[in-house]
Amino acid sequence: MEQIITLSIIMIAIGAFIYISKYKNKGKPKIGIKRDKLSDYFKDYVDLKSYWTSIAFIVVGVTILIAILIIELVFS
């Protein structure tokens, strides 16, 4: 059980670090903007995936911690 809690906290920390370091004051990355080079489209795609991954890490980590808390309260 402690391993799952530790993993959840690590997931939350990684997601928060990515979000704070890249997107805190910038907001959601823009997509669909006309670009001159194909590499710029790839960069936009990677930025968007990184944004959603950071949010997903935070949400999944918090959900797992809440589920563990509920399970511990019900079965103890």
Protein backbone atom coordinates (compact mmCIF):
# COMPACT_ATOMS: atom_id res chain seq x y z
CA MET A 1 0.00 0.00 0.00
CA GLU A 2 2.84 2.35 0.82
CA GLN A 3 4.30 1.80 -2.65
CA ILE A 4 1.05 2.87 -4.31
CA ILE A 5 0.86 5.98 -2.13
CA THR A 6 4.48 6.83 -2.92
CA LEU A 7 3.91 6.32 -6.63
CA SER A 8 0.83 8.56 -6.54
CA ILE A 9 2.71 11.32 -4.76
CA ILE A 10 5.55 11.03 -7.28
CA MET A 11 3.03 11.27 -10.16
CA ILE A 12 1.50 14.39 -8.65
CA ALA A 13 4.94 15.93 -8.13
CA ILE A 14 6.05 15.20 -11.72
CA GLY A 15 2.81 16.58 -13.17
CA ALA A 16 3.00 19.69 -11.02
CA PHE A 17 6.65 20.25 -11.90
CA ILE A 18 5.96 20.00 -15.64
CA TYR A 19 2.93 22.28 -15.39
CA ILE A 20 4.62 24.91 -13.23
CA SER A 21 7.88 24.96 -15.16
CA LYS A 22 6.34 25.19 -18.64
CA TYR A 23 2.74 26.37 -18.54
CA LYS A 24 2.08 28.32 -15.32
CA ASN A 25 1.89 31.82 -16.84
CA LYS A 26 1.48 30.84 -20.49
CA GLY A 27 -1.73 28.83 -20.40
CA LYS A 28 -2.73 26.07 -22.78
CA PRO A 29 -0.52 25.76 -25.89
CA LYS A 30 -2.09 27.00 -29.12
CA ILE A 31 -2.75 24.60 -31.98
CA GLY A 32 -3.88 25.09 -35.54
CA ILE A 33 -1.64 28.06 -36.18
CA LYS A 34 -0.22 28.32 -39.70
CA ARG A 35 3.50 27.46 -39.59
CA ASP A 36 6.24 27.71 -42.20
CA LYS A 37 8.18 24.59 -41.20
CA LEU A 38 6.89 21.13 -40.39
CA SER A 39 9.12 20.97 -37.34
CA ASP A 40 7.10 23.80 -35.80
CA TYR A 41 3.93 21.70 -36.12
CA PHE A 42 5.71 18.86 -34.34
CA LYS A 43 6.80 21.23 -31.56
CA ASP A 44 3.20 22.41 -31.13
CA TYR A 45 2.05 18.79 -30.94
CA VAL A 46 4.67 17.88 -28.32
CA ASP A 47 3.82 20.95 -26.24
CA LEU A 48 0.12 20.08 -26.28
CA LYS A 49 0.77 16.46 -25.33
CA SER A 50 3.09 17.55 -22.52
CA TYR A 51 0.42 19.93 -21.23
CA TRP A 52 -2.29 17.28 -21.12
CA THR A 53 0.10 14.68 -19.69
CA SER A 54 1.02 16.95 -16.80
CA ILE A 55 -2.64 17.56 -16.00
CA ALA A 56 -3.43 13.84 -16.32
CA PHE A 57 -0.60 12.94 -13.92
CA ILE A 58 -2.00 15.34 -11.32
CA VAL A 59 -5.61 14.13 -11.74
CA VAL A 60 -4.74 10.42 -11.70
CA GLY A 61 -2.44 10.81 -8.70
CA VAL A 62 -5.04 12.69 -6.67
CA THR A 63 -7.76 10.21 -7.68
CA ILE A 64 -5.66 7.26 -6.53
CA LEU A 65 -4.91 8.95 -3.20
CA ILE A 66 -8.60 9.71 -2.63
CA ALA A 67 -9.54 6.12 -3.51
CA ILE A 68 -6.95 4.77 -1.07
CA LEU A 69 -8.23 7.11 1.64
CA ILE A 70 -11.82 5.95 1.11
CA ILE A 71 -10.80 2.29 1.10
CA GLU A 72 -8.82 2.75 4.32
CA LEU A 73 -11.73 4.51 6.01
CA VAL A 74 -14.27 1.88 4.94
CA PHE A 75 -12.25 -1.22 5.78
CA SER A 76 -10.62 -0.15 9.02
